[in-house]
Amino acid sequence: MTVKIKIYSDYVCPFCLLAKKPLEEAIEGKNVEVEWMPFELRPYPNETLKPEGHYLQSTWKQSVYPMAEQMGIDIVLPRVSPQPYTHLAFEGYQYAKEKGKGNEYNDRMLRAFFQEEQDIGNVEVLTNLADEIGLDEKEYREALETRKYKEAHQKALKHAYEEANITSVPTFVIGKTKVAGIHSKETLEQIIDDEMNRQKPEISDGMVCGIEGC
């Protein structure tokens, strides 16, 4: 049976990029279905963070960079200041998912921001990135400019905030198990295996005859 995995993330969360590697290793060869789910950490009109600020500098120095080095993942604190809002990128995600490229799109957004320091709040930048993964450039741009997927994105956010009760990212929902943060390949594999075993139907004994009679 297929284990469904939902990963709630935001494109301005460095731990969401770092969490991808152990997940990809854990699901290799397994019967799983992965879906990335939108979650805005600082939705408009809340102020976004500035990379020159003490909070980000401290978090990256103490947590992000050491973890990335340990995992062998290239990452950099983007100099885009202030950090972009991600609603447009996520509306583009709804379009990409509709075209069967949701996971590929999600990966491209995270790498564009945290490895290439691109401003993923800019329509021009987003359109170029969409084109890179084979999406229709004109159609994608029009979808962002007309806010065609605004309602779909808002519905996804409502699900994350109110129904799934997500409060931080990354958060994984693997089958019926919810875990937040970065976890090792081994931990994720164990959760997936447990969920696969949980899905196996329990079949009780039917009517039988024994040596002493029926």
C-alpha atoms as a PDB file:
ATOM      1  CA  MET A   1       0.000   0.000   0.000  1.00  0.00           C
ATOM      2  CA  THR A   2       1.077   3.585  -0.635  1.00  0.00           C
ATOM      3  CA  VAL A   3       2.101   5.781   2.282  1.00  0.00           C
ATOM      4  CA  LYS A   4       1.158   9.405   1.752  1.00  0.00           C
ATOM      5  CA  ILE A   5       3.667  12.000   2.933  1.00  0.00           C
ATOM      6  CA  LYS A   6       2.829  15.676   3.228  1.00  0.00           C
ATOM      7  CA  ILE A   7       5.584  18.197   3.927  1.00  0.00           C
ATOM      8  CA  TYR A   8       4.489  21.624   5.115  1.00  0.00           C
ATOM      9  CA  SER A   9       7.103  24.214   4.238  1.00  0.00           C
ATOM     10  CA  ASP A  10       7.870  27.811   3.356  1.00  0.00           C
ATOM     11  CA  TYR A  11      10.352  28.902   0.701  1.00  0.00           C
ATOM     12  CA  VAL A  12      12.120  31.221   3.180  1.00  0.00           C
ATOM     13  CA  CYS A  13      12.742  28.437   5.726  1.00  0.00           C
ATOM     14  CA  PRO A  14      16.323  27.119   5.441  1.00  0.00           C
ATOM     15  CA  PHE A  15      15.487  23.981   7.396  1.00  0.00           C
ATOM     16  CA  CYS A  16      12.947  23.097   4.696  1.00  0.00           C
ATOM     17  CA  LEU A  17      15.778  22.887   2.175  1.00  0.00           C
ATOM     18  CA  LEU A  18      17.966  20.874   4.542  1.00  0.00           C
ATOM     19  CA  ALA A  19      15.132  18.464   5.341  1.00  0.00           C
ATOM     20  CA  LYS A  20      14.826  17.399   1.689  1.00  0.00           C
ATOM     21  CA  LYS A  21      17.986  15.286   1.557  1.00  0.00           C
ATOM     22  CA  PRO A  22      17.211  12.777   4.342  1.00  0.00           C
ATOM     23  CA  LEU A  23      13.625  12.538   3.084  1.00  0.00           C
ATOM     24  CA  GLU A  24      14.724  11.748  -0.464  1.00  0.00           C
ATOM     25  CA  GLU A  25      17.117   9.103   0.872  1.00  0.00           C
ATOM     26  CA  ALA A  26      14.445   7.613   3.142  1.00  0.00           C
ATOM     27  CA  ILE A  27      11.799   7.214   0.443  1.00  0.00           C
ATOM     28  CA  GLU A  28      14.080   5.740  -2.223  1.00  0.00           C
ATOM     29  CA  GLY A  29      12.593   2.495  -3.478  1.00  0.00           C
ATOM     30  CA  LYS A  30       9.533   2.800  -1.240  1.00  0.00           C
ATOM     31  CA  ASN A  31       5.888   2.971  -2.252  1.00  0.00           C
ATOM     32  CA  VAL A  32       5.189   6.534  -1.127  1.00  0.00           C
ATOM     33  CA  GLU A  33       3.378   9.577  -2.474  1.00  0.00           C
ATOM     34  CA  VAL A  34       4.970  12.922  -1.569  1.00  0.00           C
ATOM     35  CA  GLU A  35       3.132  16.236  -1.624  1.00  0.00           C
ATOM     36  CA  TRP A  36       4.594  19.569  -0.534  1.00  0.00           C
ATOM     37  CA  MET A  37       2.099  21.777   1.287  1.00  0.00           C
ATOM     38  CA  PRO A  38       2.185  25.611   1.511  1.00  0.00           C
ATOM     39  CA  PHE A  39       2.736  27.370   4.825  1.00  0.00           C
ATOM     40  CA  GLU A  40       3.574  31.075   5.069  1.00  0.00           C
ATOM     41  CA  LEU A  41       5.664  31.917   8.117  1.00  0.00           C
ATOM     42  CA  ARG A  42       5.211  35.661   7.718  1.00  0.00           C
ATOM     43  CA  PRO A  43       2.233  36.372   5.432  1.00  0.00           C
ATOM     44  CA  TYR A  44       1.562  39.891   4.178  1.00  0.00           C
ATOM     45  CA  PRO A  45       1.266  42.445   5.781  1.00  0.00           C
ATOM     46  CA  ASN A  46       3.496  41.080   8.553  1.00  0.00           C
ATOM     47  CA  GLU A  47       7.069  42.306   8.351  1.00  0.00           C
ATOM     48  CA  THR A  48       9.540  39.830   6.895  1.00  0.00           C
ATOM     49  CA  LEU A  49      13.039  39.326   8.271  1.00  0.00           C
ATOM     50  CA  LYS A  50      16.185  41.158   7.199  1.00  0.00           C
ATOM     51  CA  PRO A  51      19.362  39.126   6.646  1.00  0.00           C
ATOM     52  CA  GLU A  52      21.461  41.834   8.269  1.00  0.00           C
ATOM     53  CA  GLY A  53      19.420  41.573  11.456  1.00  0.00           C
ATOM     54  CA  HIS A  54      20.843  39.994  14.607  1.00  0.00           C
ATOM     55  CA  TYR A  55      18.186  37.263  14.794  1.00  0.00           C
ATOM     56  CA  LEU A  56      18.911  35.772  11.369  1.00  0.00           C
ATOM     57  CA  GLN A  57      22.666  36.197  11.682  1.00  0.00           C
ATOM     58  CA  SER A  58      22.645  34.394  15.017  1.00  0.00           C
ATOM     59  CA  THR A  59      20.344  31.576  13.891  1.00  0.00           C
ATOM     60  CA  TRP A  60      22.386  30.874  10.792  1.00  0.00           C
ATOM     61  CA  LYS A  61      25.722  30.988  12.611  1.00  0.00           C
ATOM     62  CA  GLN A  62      24.595  28.748  15.464  1.00  0.00           C
ATOM     63  CA  SER A  63      22.236  26.347  13.702  1.00  0.00           C
ATOM     64  CA  VAL A  64      21.855  26.531   9.921  1.00  0.00           C
ATOM     65  CA  TYR A  65      25.467  26.634   8.758  1.00  0.00           C
ATOM     66  CA  PRO A  66      26.741  23.915  11.159  1.00  0.00           C
ATOM     67  CA  MET A  67      23.886  21.586  10.212  1.00  0.00           C
ATOM     68  CA  ALA A  68      24.310  22.231   6.476  1.00  0.00           C
ATOM     69  CA  GLU A  69      28.044  21.526   6.708  1.00  0.00           C
ATOM     70  CA  GLN A  70      27.394  18.300   8.588  1.00  0.00           C
ATOM     71  CA  MET A  71      24.882  17.213   5.937  1.00  0.00           C
ATOM     72  CA  GLY A  72      27.078  18.290   3.016  1.00  0.00           C
ATOM     73  CA  ILE A  73      24.514  20.724   1.619  1.00  0.00           C
ATOM     74  CA  ASP A  74      25.403  24.074   0.062  1.00  0.00           C
ATOM     75  CA  ILE A  75      23.337  26.896   1.551  1.00  0.00           C
ATOM     76  CA  VAL A  76      23.758  30.619   2.094  1.00  0.00           C
ATOM     77  CA  LEU A  77      21.851  33.306   3.962  1.00  0.00           C
ATOM     78  CA  PRO A  78      20.376  35.227   0.995  1.00  0.00           C
ATOM     79  CA  ARG A  79      21.194  38.937   0.865  1.00  0.00           C
ATOM     80  CA  VAL A  80      17.690  39.743  -0.416  1.00  0.00           C
ATOM     81  CA  SER A  81      16.528  42.372   2.086  1.00  0.00           C
ATOM     82  CA  PRO A  82      13.933  42.328   3.405  1.00  0.00           C
ATOM     83  CA  GLN A  83      13.127  38.697   2.720  1.00  0.00           C
ATOM     84  CA  PRO A  84      10.377  38.255   0.109  1.00  0.00           C
ATOM     85  CA  TYR A  85       6.780  37.398   0.802  1.00  0.00           C
ATOM     86  CA  THR A  86       6.078  33.942  -0.597  1.00  0.00           C
ATOM     87  CA  HIS A  87       2.402  34.129  -1.564  1.00  0.00           C
ATOM     88  CA  LEU A  88       3.126  34.683  -5.273  1.00  0.00           C
ATOM     89  CA  ALA A  89       5.619  31.827  -5.376  1.00  0.00           C
ATOM     90  CA  PHE A  90       3.022  29.610  -3.721  1.00  0.00           C
ATOM     91  CA  GLU A  91       0.309  30.684  -6.145  1.00  0.00           C
ATOM     92  CA  GLY A  92       2.742  29.625  -8.855  1.00  0.00           C
ATOM     93  CA  TYR A  93       3.110  26.326  -7.023  1.00  0.00           C
ATOM     94  CA  GLN A  94      -0.622  25.709  -7.411  1.00  0.00           C
ATOM     95  CA  TYR A  95      -0.210  26.195 -11.155  1.00  0.00           C
ATOM     96  CA  ALA A  96       2.845  23.914 -11.255  1.00  0.00           C
ATOM     97  CA  LYS A  97       1.061  21.211  -9.272  1.00  0.00           C
ATOM     98  CA  GLU A  98      -1.835  21.371 -11.725  1.00  0.00           C
ATOM     99  CA  LYS A  99       0.688  20.723 -14.505  1.00  0.00           C
ATOM    100  CA  GLY A 100       2.243  17.762 -12.684  1.00  0.00           C
ATOM    101  CA  LYS A 101       5.424  19.611 -11.681  1.00  0.00           C
ATOM    102  CA  GLY A 102       4.650  20.572  -8.091  1.00  0.00           C
ATOM    103  CA  ASN A 103       7.558  18.795  -6.395  1.00  0.00           C
ATOM    104  CA  GLU A 104      10.022  19.896  -9.062  1.00  0.00           C
ATOM    105  CA  TYR A 105       8.823  23.488  -8.689  1.00  0.00           C
ATOM    106  CA  ASN A 106       9.124  23.364  -4.915  1.00  0.00           C
ATOM    107  CA  ASP A 107      12.718  22.145  -5.163  1.00  0.00           C
ATOM    108  CA  ARG A 108      13.592  24.892  -7.655  1.00  0.00           C
ATOM    109  CA  MET A 109      12.192  27.651  -5.426  1.00  0.00           C
ATOM    110  CA  LEU A 110      14.144  26.502  -2.372  1.00  0.00           C
ATOM    111  CA  ARG A 111      17.401  26.217  -4.311  1.00  0.00           C
ATOM    112  CA  ALA A 112      16.870  29.545  -6.068  1.00  0.00           C
ATOM    113  CA  PHE A 113      16.551  31.360  -2.764  1.00  0.00           C
ATOM    114  CA  PHE A 114      19.030  29.545  -0.541  1.00  0.00           C
ATOM    115  CA  GLN A 115      21.729  28.637  -3.046  1.00  0.00           C
ATOM    116  CA  GLU A 116      21.440  31.383  -5.675  1.00  0.00           C
ATOM    117  CA  GLU A 117      20.074  34.305  -3.601  1.00  0.00           C
ATOM    118  CA  GLN A 118      17.309  35.023  -6.102  1.00  0.00           C
ATOM    119  CA  ASP A 119      14.367  37.227  -5.112  1.00  0.00           C
ATOM    120  CA  ILE A 120      11.486  34.748  -5.232  1.00  0.00           C
ATOM    121  CA  GLY A 121       8.996  37.513  -4.497  1.00  0.00           C
ATOM    122  CA  ASN A 122       9.642  39.035  -7.919  1.00  0.00           C
ATOM    123  CA  VAL A 123       7.331  37.998 -10.780  1.00  0.00           C
ATOM    124  CA  GLU A 124      10.123  38.212 -13.360  1.00  0.00           C
ATOM    125  CA  VAL A 125      12.385  35.961 -11.301  1.00  0.00           C
ATOM    126  CA  LEU A 126       9.572  33.490 -10.630  1.00  0.00           C
ATOM    127  CA  THR A 127       8.654  33.350 -14.311  1.00  0.00           C
ATOM    128  CA  ASN A 128      12.236  32.586 -15.328  1.00  0.00           C
ATOM    129  CA  LEU A 129      12.447  29.822 -12.731  1.00  0.00           C
ATOM    130  CA  ALA A 130       9.155  28.334 -13.924  1.00  0.00           C
ATOM    131  CA  ASP A 131      10.457  28.368 -17.483  1.00  0.00           C
ATOM    132  CA  GLU A 132      13.591  26.512 -16.357  1.00  0.00           C
ATOM    133  CA  ILE A 133      11.557  23.512 -15.228  1.00  0.00           C
ATOM    134  CA  GLY A 134       9.505  23.416 -18.392  1.00  0.00           C
ATOM    135  CA  LEU A 135       6.379  25.349 -17.417  1.00  0.00           C
ATOM    136  CA  ASP A 136       4.731  27.622 -19.983  1.00  0.00           C
ATOM    137  CA  GLU A 137       6.315  31.019 -19.350  1.00  0.00           C
ATOM    138  CA  LYS A 138       3.436  33.113 -20.703  1.00  0.00           C
ATOM    139  CA  GLU A 139       0.749  31.061 -18.975  1.00  0.00           C
ATOM    140  CA  TYR A 140       2.617  31.087 -15.671  1.00  0.00           C
ATOM    141  CA  ARG A 141       3.189  34.843 -15.708  1.00  0.00           C
ATOM    142  CA  GLU A 142      -0.463  35.465 -16.512  1.00  0.00           C
ATOM    143  CA  ALA A 143      -1.511  33.223 -13.622  1.00  0.00           C
ATOM    144  CA  LEU A 144       0.553  35.333 -11.208  1.00  0.00           C
ATOM    145  CA  GLU A 145      -0.458  38.704 -12.620  1.00  0.00           C
ATOM    146  CA  THR A 146      -4.181  37.883 -12.577  1.00  0.00           C
ATOM    147  CA  ARG A 147      -3.883  36.096  -9.187  1.00  0.00           C
ATOM    148  CA  LYS A 148      -5.672  33.128 -10.743  1.00  0.00           C
ATOM    149  CA  TYR A 149      -4.576  30.770  -7.974  1.00  0.00           C
ATOM    150  CA  LYS A 150      -5.005  33.129  -5.040  1.00  0.00           C
ATOM    151  CA  GLU A 151      -8.116  31.353  -3.789  1.00  0.00           C
ATOM    152  CA  ALA A 152      -6.513  27.915  -4.116  1.00  0.00           C
ATOM    153  CA  HIS A 153      -3.488  29.114  -2.154  1.00  0.00           C
ATOM    154  CA  GLN A 154      -5.639  30.670   0.569  1.00  0.00           C
ATOM    155  CA  LYS A 155      -7.544  27.408   0.865  1.00  0.00           C
ATOM    156  CA  ALA A 156      -4.260  25.523   1.260  1.00  0.00           C
ATOM    157  CA  LEU A 157      -3.134  27.955   3.974  1.00  0.00           C
ATOM    158  CA  LYS A 158      -6.418  27.582   5.829  1.00  0.00           C
ATOM    159  CA  HIS A 159      -5.964  23.834   5.764  1.00  0.00           C
ATOM    160  CA  ALA A 160      -2.440  24.147   7.171  1.00  0.00           C
ATOM    161  CA  TYR A 161      -3.310  26.670   9.890  1.00  0.00           C
ATOM    162  CA  GLU A 162      -6.752  25.441  10.973  1.00  0.00           C
ATOM    163  CA  GLU A 163      -7.200  21.819   9.923  1.00  0.00           C
ATOM    164  CA  ALA A 164      -3.712  20.315  10.076  1.00  0.00           C
ATOM    165  CA  ASN A 165      -2.759  22.611  13.005  1.00  0.00           C
ATOM    166  CA  ILE A 166       0.700  23.289  11.633  1.00  0.00           C
ATOM    167  CA  THR A 167       2.650  25.785  13.724  1.00  0.00           C
ATOM    168  CA  SER A 168       6.199  25.414  12.386  1.00  0.00           C
ATOM    169  CA  VAL A 169       8.038  24.186   9.315  1.00  0.00           C
ATOM    170  CA  PRO A 170       9.188  21.811   8.113  1.00  0.00           C
ATOM    171  CA  THR A 171       6.475  19.507   9.437  1.00  0.00           C
ATOM    172  CA  PHE A 172       6.010  16.031   8.008  1.00  0.00           C
ATOM    173  CA  VAL A 173       2.745  14.151   8.082  1.00  0.00           C
ATOM    174  CA  ILE A 174       3.661  10.585   7.213  1.00  0.00           C
ATOM    175  CA  GLY A 175       0.494   8.554   7.063  1.00  0.00           C
ATOM    176  CA  LYS A 176      -1.049   9.349  10.437  1.00  0.00           C
ATOM    177  CA  THR A 177       2.237  10.376  12.101  1.00  0.00           C
ATOM    178  CA  LYS A 178       3.120  14.054  12.438  1.00  0.00           C
ATOM    179  CA  VAL A 179       6.725  15.087  13.134  1.00  0.00           C
ATOM    180  CA  ALA A 180       8.248  18.566  12.995  1.00  0.00           C
ATOM    181  CA  GLY A 181      11.797  19.548  12.107  1.00  0.00           C
ATOM    182  CA  ILE A 182      14.706  17.823  10.383  1.00  0.00           C
ATOM    183  CA  HIS A 183      15.024  14.099  11.012  1.00  0.00           C
ATOM    184  CA  SER A 184      17.585  11.525   9.946  1.00  0.00           C
ATOM    185  CA  LYS A 185      17.066   9.146   7.060  1.00  0.00           C
ATOM    186  CA  GLU A 186      16.845   6.286   9.563  1.00  0.00           C
ATOM    187  CA  THR A 187      14.129   7.979  11.634  1.00  0.00           C
ATOM    188  CA  LEU A 188      12.038   8.762   8.572  1.00  0.00           C
ATOM    189  CA  GLU A 189      12.490   5.224   7.250  1.00  0.00           C
ATOM    190  CA  GLN A 190      11.254   3.810  10.542  1.00  0.00           C
ATOM    191  CA  ILE A 191       8.166   6.017  10.511  1.00  0.00           C
ATOM    192  CA  ILE A 192       7.414   5.044   6.911  1.00  0.00           C
ATOM    193  CA  ASP A 193       7.848   1.341   7.700  1.00  0.00           C
ATOM    194  CA  ASP A 194       5.601   1.664  10.762  1.00  0.00           C
ATOM    195  CA  GLU A 195       2.934   3.358   8.658  1.00  0.00           C
ATOM    196  CA  MET A 196       3.170   0.661   5.990  1.00  0.00           C
ATOM    197  CA  ASN A 197       2.675  -2.010   8.640  1.00  0.00           C
ATOM    198  CA  ARG A 198      -0.227  -0.039  10.087  1.00  0.00           C
ATOM    199  CA  GLN A 199      -1.934  -0.139   6.687  1.00  0.00           C
ATOM    200  CA  LYS A 200      -1.781  -3.917   6.456  1.00  0.00           C
ATOM    201  CA  PRO A 201      -5.266  -5.276   7.134  1.00  0.00           C
ATOM    202  CA  GLU A 202      -5.751  -7.316  10.279  1.00  0.00           C
ATOM    203  CA  ILE A 203      -7.631 -10.478   9.343  1.00  0.00           C
ATOM    204  CA  SER A 204      -9.214 -12.395  12.173  1.00  0.00           C
ATOM    205  CA  ASP A 205      -9.734 -16.134  12.026  1.00  0.00           C
ATOM    206  CA  GLY A 206     -12.909 -17.288  10.306  1.00  0.00           C
ATOM    207  CA  MET A 207     -14.982 -20.356  11.121  1.00  0.00           C
ATOM    208  CA  VAL A 208     -12.834 -23.491  11.140  1.00  0.00           C
ATOM    209  CA  CYS A 209     -12.935 -27.100  12.238  1.00  0.00           C
ATOM    210  CA  GLY A 210     -10.430 -28.409  14.751  1.00  0.00           C
ATOM    211  CA  ILE A 211      -9.277 -31.898  15.704  1.00  0.00           C
ATOM    212  CA  GLU A 212     -11.983 -32.053  18.340  1.00  0.00           C
ATOM    213  CA  GLY A 213     -14.780 -31.129  15.981  1.00  0.00           C
ATOM    214  CA  CYS A 214     -16.524 -28.181  14.419  1.00  0.00           C
END
